[in-house]
PDB file of all heavy atoms in Angstrom:
ATOM      1  N   SER A   1      86.950  25.329  52.699  1.00  0.00           N
ATOM      2  CA  SER A   1      86.456  26.422  53.516  1.00  0.00           C
ATOM      3  C   SER A   1      85.221  25.988  54.279  1.00  0.00           C
ATOM      4  O   SER A   1      84.377  25.266  53.749  1.00  0.00           O
ATOM      5  CB  SER A   1      86.127  27.633  52.636  1.00  0.00           C
ATOM      6  OG  SER A   1      85.129  27.282  51.714  1.00  0.00           O
ATOM      7  N   PRO A   2      85.059  26.404  55.567  1.00  0.00           N
ATOM      8  CA  PRO A   2      83.866  26.011  56.343  1.00  0.00           C
ATOM      9  C   PRO A   2      82.619  26.609  55.750  1.00  0.00           C
ATOM     10  O   PRO A   2      82.613  27.737  55.281  1.00  0.00           O
ATOM     11  CB  PRO A   2      84.161  26.567  57.743  1.00  0.00           C
ATOM     12  CG  PRO A   2      85.133  27.685  57.506  1.00  0.00           C
ATOM     13  CD  PRO A   2      85.975  27.273  56.341  1.00  0.00           C
ATOM     14  N   GLN A   3      81.540  25.823  55.741  1.00  0.00           N
ATOM     15  CA  GLN A   3      80.294  26.285  55.159  1.00  0.00           C
ATOM     16  C   GLN A   3      79.519  27.192  56.109  1.00  0.00           C
ATOM     17  O   GLN A   3      78.706  27.992  55.679  1.00  0.00           O
ATOM     18  CB  GLN A   3      79.422  25.074  54.785  1.00  0.00           C
ATOM     19  CG  GLN A   3      80.116  24.132  53.801  1.00  0.00           C
ATOM     20  CD  GLN A   3      79.266  22.915  53.556  1.00  0.00           C
ATOM     21  OE1 GLN A   3      78.070  22.940  53.828  1.00  0.00           O
ATOM     22  NE2 GLN A   3      79.868  21.837  53.067  1.00  0.00           N
ATOM     23  N   SER A   4      79.729  27.053  57.428  1.00  0.00           N
ATOM     24  CA  SER A   4      78.933  27.812  58.388  1.00  0.00           C
ATOM     25  C   SER A   4      79.262  29.297  58.365  1.00  0.00           C
ATOM     26  O   SER A   4      78.488  30.111  58.842  1.00  0.00           O
ATOM     27  CB  SER A   4      79.171  27.254  59.806  1.00  0.00           C
ATOM     28  OG  SER A   4      80.561  27.348  60.135  1.00  0.00           O
ATOM     29  N   SER A   5      80.406  29.691  57.810  1.00  0.00           N
ATOM     30  CA  SER A   5      80.802  31.097  57.818  1.00  0.00           C
ATOM     31  C   SER A   5      80.320  31.840  56.588  1.00  0.00           C
ATOM     32  O   SER A   5      80.694  32.984  56.400  1.00  0.00           O
ATOM     33  CB  SER A   5      82.334  31.204  57.907  1.00  0.00           C
ATOM     34  OG  SER A   5      82.924  30.569  56.789  1.00  0.00           O
ATOM     35  N   THR A   6      79.527  31.216  55.726  1.00  0.00           N
ATOM     36  CA  THR A   6      79.090  31.885  54.498  1.00  0.00           C
ATOM     37  C   THR A   6      77.583  31.832  54.389  1.00  0.00           C
ATOM     38  O   THR A   6      77.040  31.117  53.544  1.00  0.00           O
ATOM     39  CB  THR A   6      79.749  31.212  53.285  1.00  0.00           C
ATOM     40  OG1 THR A   6      79.407  29.814  53.310  1.00  0.00           O
ATOM     41  CG2 THR A   6      81.255  31.374  53.300  1.00  0.00           C
ATOM     42  N   PRO A   7      76.850  32.575  55.259  1.00  0.00           N
ATOM     43  CA  PRO A   7      75.388  32.579  55.122  1.00  0.00           C
ATOM     44  C   PRO A   7      74.968  33.374  53.894  1.00  0.00           C
ATOM     45  O   PRO A   7      75.684  34.265  53.436  1.00  0.00           O
ATOM     46  CB  PRO A   7      74.923  33.257  56.412  1.00  0.00           C
ATOM     47  CG  PRO A   7      76.079  34.136  56.795  1.00  0.00           C
ATOM     48  CD  PRO A   7      77.310  33.421  56.371  1.00  0.00           C
ATOM     49  N   THR A   8      73.803  33.080  53.361  1.00  0.00           N
ATOM     50  CA  THR A   8      73.276  33.805  52.213  1.00  0.00           C
ATOM     51  C   THR A   8      72.521  35.050  52.695  1.00  0.00           C
ATOM     52  O   THR A   8      72.454  35.342  53.886  1.00  0.00           O
ATOM     53  CB  THR A   8      72.336  32.896  51.408  1.00  0.00           C
ATOM     54  OG1 THR A   8      71.296  32.437  52.275  1.00  0.00           O
ATOM     55  CG2 THR A   8      73.088  31.677  50.879  1.00  0.00           C
ATOM     56  N   ARG A   9      71.918  35.774  51.714  1.00  0.00           N
ATOM     57  CA  ARG A   9      71.217  37.015  52.051  1.00  0.00           C
ATOM     58  C   ARG A   9      70.022  36.752  52.944  1.00  0.00           C
ATOM     59  O   ARG A   9      69.698  37.541  53.797  1.00  0.00           O
ATOM     60  CB  ARG A   9      70.764  37.716  50.764  1.00  0.00           C
ATOM     61  CG  ARG A   9      71.910  38.217  49.901  1.00  0.00           C
ATOM     62  CD  ARG A   9      71.382  38.896  48.660  1.00  0.00           C
ATOM     63  NE  ARG A   9      72.456  39.333  47.785  1.00  0.00           N
ATOM     64  CZ  ARG A   9      73.042  40.512  47.874  1.00  0.00           C
ATOM     65  NH1 ARG A   9      72.647  41.364  48.797  1.00  0.00           N
ATOM     66  NH2 ARG A   9      74.006  40.854  47.025  1.00  0.00           N
ATOM     67  N   ASN A  10      69.335  35.657  52.779  1.00  0.00           N
ATOM     68  CA  ASN A  10      68.154  35.390  53.603  1.00  0.00           C
ATOM     69  C   ASN A  10      68.493  34.637  54.886  1.00  0.00           C
ATOM     70  O   ASN A  10      67.607  34.199  55.590  1.00  0.00           O
ATOM     71  CB  ASN A  10      67.117  34.617  52.802  1.00  0.00           C
ATOM     72  CG  ASN A  10      67.712  33.321  52.251  1.00  0.00           C
ATOM     73  OD1 ASN A  10      68.839  32.980  52.604  1.00  0.00           O
ATOM     74  ND2 ASN A  10      66.951  32.636  51.412  1.00  0.00           N
ATOM     75  N   GLY A  11      69.790  34.436  55.159  1.00  0.00           N
ATOM     76  CA  GLY A  11      70.197  33.812  56.412  1.00  0.00           C
ATOM     77  C   GLY A  11      70.295  32.309  56.366  1.00  0.00           C
ATOM     78  O   GLY A  11      70.683  31.705  57.362  1.00  0.00           O
ATOM     79  N   THR A  12      69.945  31.709  55.294  1.00  0.00           N
ATOM     80  CA  THR A  12      70.023  30.245  55.216  1.00  0.00           C
ATOM     81  C   THR A  12      71.404  29.814  54.762  1.00  0.00           C
ATOM     82  O   THR A  12      72.132  30.569  54.120  1.00  0.00           O
ATOM     83  CB  THR A  12      68.980  29.706  54.230  1.00  0.00           C
ATOM     84  OG1 THR A  12      69.239  30.281  52.944  1.00  0.00           O
ATOM     85  CG2 THR A  12      67.566  30.056  54.674  1.00  0.00           C
ATOM     86  N   GLN A  13      71.736  28.569  55.099  1.00  0.00           N
ATOM     87  CA  GLN A  13      73.040  28.051  54.722  1.00  0.00           C
ATOM     88  C   GLN A  13      72.987  27.448  53.320  1.00  0.00           C
ATOM     89  O   GLN A  13      71.951  26.954  52.894  1.00  0.00           O
ATOM     90  CB  GLN A  13      73.471  26.963  55.723  1.00  0.00           C
ATOM     91  CG  GLN A  13      73.724  27.480  57.128  1.00  0.00           C
ATOM     92  CD  GLN A  13      74.940  28.379  57.183  1.00  0.00           C
ATOM     93  OE1 GLN A  13      75.824  28.271  56.346  1.00  0.00           O
ATOM     94  NE2 GLN A  13      74.971  29.273  58.162  1.00  0.00           N
ATOM     95  N   PRO A  14      74.095  27.527  52.586  1.00  0.00           N
ATOM     96  CA  PRO A  14      74.146  26.895  51.248  1.00  0.00           C
ATOM     97  C   PRO A  14      74.069  25.392  51.362  1.00  0.00           C
ATOM     98  O   PRO A  14      74.298  24.839  52.427  1.00  0.00           O
ATOM     99  CB  PRO A  14      75.508  27.355  50.693  1.00  0.00           C
ATOM    100  CG  PRO A  14      76.334  27.614  51.914  1.00  0.00           C
ATOM    101  CD  PRO A  14      75.389  28.162  52.949  1.00  0.00           C
ATOM    102  N   PRO A  15      73.727  24.721  50.299  1.00  0.00           N
ATOM    103  CA  PRO A  15      73.658  23.259  50.349  1.00  0.00           C
ATOM    104  C   PRO A  15      74.993  22.659  50.708  1.00  0.00           C
ATOM    105  O   PRO A  15      76.037  23.141  50.270  1.00  0.00           O
ATOM    106  CB  PRO A  15      73.228  22.877  48.920  1.00  0.00           C
ATOM    107  CG  PRO A  15      73.592  24.056  48.080  1.00  0.00           C
ATOM    108  CD  PRO A  15      73.431  25.243  48.967  1.00  0.00           C
ATOM    109  N   PRO A  16      75.000  21.656  51.566  1.00  0.00           N
ATOM    110  CA  PRO A  16      76.279  21.065  52.027  1.00  0.00           C
ATOM    111  C   PRO A  16      77.003  20.382  50.886  1.00  0.00           C
ATOM    112  O   PRO A  16      76.396  19.824  49.982  1.00  0.00           O
ATOM    113  CB  PRO A  16      75.820  20.054  53.072  1.00  0.00           C
ATOM    114  CG  PRO A  16      74.430  19.691  52.670  1.00  0.00           C
ATOM    115  CD  PRO A  16      73.843  20.942  52.125  1.00  0.00           C
ATOM    116  N   VAL A  17      78.328  20.458  50.946  1.00  0.00           N
ATOM    117  CA  VAL A  17      79.190  19.782  49.981  1.00  0.00           C
ATOM    118  C   VAL A  17      79.607  18.448  50.567  1.00  0.00           C
ATOM    119  O   VAL A  17      80.023  18.385  51.720  1.00  0.00           O
ATOM    120  CB  VAL A  17      80.448  20.636  49.685  1.00  0.00           C
ATOM    121  CG1 VAL A  17      81.333  19.940  48.672  1.00  0.00           C
ATOM    122  CG2 VAL A  17      80.027  22.001  49.173  1.00  0.00           C
ATOM    123  N   PRO A  18      79.479  17.376  49.801  1.00  0.00           N
ATOM    124  CA  PRO A  18      79.886  16.076  50.343  1.00  0.00           C
ATOM    125  C   PRO A  18      81.333  16.085  50.758  1.00  0.00           C
ATOM    126  O   PRO A  18      82.193  16.606  50.061  1.00  0.00           O
ATOM    127  CB  PRO A  18      79.651  15.117  49.166  1.00  0.00           C
ATOM    128  CG  PRO A  18      78.673  15.825  48.277  1.00  0.00           C
ATOM    129  CD  PRO A  18      78.939  17.278  48.457  1.00  0.00           C
ATOM    130  N   SER A  19      81.606  15.568  51.933  1.00  0.00           N
ATOM    131  CA  SER A  19      82.969  15.527  52.461  1.00  0.00           C
ATOM    132  C   SER A  19      83.777  14.484  51.733  1.00  0.00           C
ATOM    133  O   SER A  19      83.263  13.543  51.164  1.00  0.00           O
ATOM    134  CB  SER A  19      82.944  15.212  53.964  1.00  0.00           C
ATOM    135  OG  SER A  19      82.374  13.933  54.183  1.00  0.00           O
ATOM    136  N   ARG A  20      85.108  14.649  51.784  1.00  0.00           N
ATOM    137  CA  ARG A  20      86.000  13.711  51.114  1.00  0.00           C
ATOM    138  C   ARG A  20      85.971  12.344  51.777  1.00  0.00           C
ATOM    139  O   ARG A  20      86.099  11.321  51.134  1.00  0.00           O
ATOM    140  CB  ARG A  20      87.430  14.253  51.117  1.00  0.00           C
ATOM    141  CG  ARG A  20      87.567  15.569  50.392  1.00  0.00           C
ATOM    142  CD  ARG A  20      87.155  15.436  48.947  1.00  0.00           C
ATOM    143  NE  ARG A  20      87.249  16.731  48.248  1.00  0.00           N
ATOM    144  CZ  ARG A  20      86.886  16.918  47.018  1.00  0.00           C
ATOM    145  NH1 ARG A  20      86.377  15.926  46.335  1.00  0.00           N
ATOM    146  NH2 ARG A  20      86.991  18.110  46.454  1.00  0.00           N
ATOM    147  N   SER A  21      85.796  12.343  53.103  1.00  0.00           N
ATOM    148  CA  SER A  21      85.773  11.061  53.803  1.00  0.00           C
ATOM    149  C   SER A  21      84.553  10.260  53.416  1.00  0.00           C
ATOM    150  O   SER A  21      84.590   9.034  53.352  1.00  0.00           O
ATOM    151  CB  SER A  21      85.815  11.292  55.317  1.00  0.00           C
ATOM    152  OG  SER A  21      84.681  12.061  55.720  1.00  0.00           O
ATOM    153  N   ALA A  22      83.433  10.951  53.142  1.00  0.00           N
ATOM    154  CA  ALA A  22      82.223  10.235  52.747  1.00  0.00           C
ATOM    155  C   ALA A  22      82.373   9.665  51.351  1.00  0.00           C
ATOM    156  O   ALA A  22      81.815   8.624  51.030  1.00  0.00           O
ATOM    157  CB  ALA A  22      81.011  11.155  52.810  1.00  0.00           C
ATOM    158  N   GLU A  23      83.142  10.353  50.501  1.00  0.00           N
ATOM    159  CA  GLU A  23      83.316   9.857  49.136  1.00  0.00           C
ATOM    160  C   GLU A  23      84.126   8.578  49.105  1.00  0.00           C
ATOM    161  O   GLU A  23      84.055   7.816  48.160  1.00  0.00           O
ATOM    162  CB  GLU A  23      83.990  10.923  48.283  1.00  0.00           C
ATOM    163  CG  GLU A  23      83.096  12.110  48.002  1.00  0.00           C
ATOM    164  CD  GLU A  23      83.797  13.110  47.123  1.00  0.00           C
ATOM    165  OE1 GLU A  23      84.966  12.879  46.797  1.00  0.00           O
ATOM    166  OE2 GLU A  23      83.165  14.123  46.805  1.00  0.00           O
ATOM    167  N   ILE A  24      84.919   8.328  50.137  1.00  0.00           N
ATOM    168  CA  ILE A  24      85.719   7.109  50.148  1.00  0.00           C
ATOM    169  C   ILE A  24      84.819   5.896  50.269  1.00  0.00           C
ATOM    170  O   ILE A  24      85.051   4.867  49.665  1.00  0.00           O
ATOM    171  CB  ILE A  24      86.734   7.163  51.302  1.00  0.00           C
ATOM    172  CG1 ILE A  24      87.707   8.334  51.077  1.00  0.00           C
ATOM    173  CG2 ILE A  24      87.485   5.851  51.414  1.00  0.00           C
ATOM    174  CD1 ILE A  24      88.708   8.488  52.181  1.00  0.00           C
ATOM    175  N   LYS A  25      83.732   6.036  51.061  1.00  0.00           N
ATOM    176  CA  LYS A  25      82.834   4.916  51.259  1.00  0.00           C
ATOM    177  C   LYS A  25      81.771   4.864  50.170  1.00  0.00           C
ATOM    178  O   LYS A  25      81.474   3.825  49.639  1.00  0.00           O
ATOM    179  CB  LYS A  25      82.181   5.023  52.639  1.00  0.00           C
ATOM    180  CG  LYS A  25      83.180   4.914  53.786  1.00  0.00           C
ATOM    181  CD  LYS A  25      82.466   4.995  55.133  1.00  0.00           C
ATOM    182  CE  LYS A  25      83.459   4.871  56.288  1.00  0.00           C
ATOM    183  NZ  LYS A  25      82.790   4.948  57.591  1.00  0.00           N
ATOM    184  N   ARG A  26      81.193   5.986  49.853  1.00  0.00           N
ATOM    185  CA  ARG A  26      80.158   6.040  48.824  1.00  0.00           C
ATOM    186  C   ARG A  26      80.318   7.317  48.015  1.00  0.00           C
ATOM    187  O   ARG A  26      80.724   8.345  48.544  1.00  0.00           O
ATOM    188  CB  ARG A  26      78.754   5.982  49.440  1.00  0.00           C
ATOM    189  CG  ARG A  26      78.386   4.616  49.961  1.00  0.00           C
ATOM    190  CD  ARG A  26      76.957   4.586  50.459  1.00  0.00           C
ATOM    191  NE  ARG A  26      76.564   3.287  50.913  1.00  0.00           N
ATOM    192  CZ  ARG A  26      76.101   2.325  50.124  1.00  0.00           C
ATOM    193  NH1 ARG A  26      75.964   2.576  48.839  1.00  0.00           N
ATOM    194  NH2 ARG A  26      75.760   1.152  50.596  1.00  0.00           N
TER     195      ARG A  26
END
């Protein structure tokens, strides 16, 4: 699910989840 569509109560975005493509390299 996209992270940009789920703002919190104070308007800030939740911490980013590492992408699967990034996990392939590191």
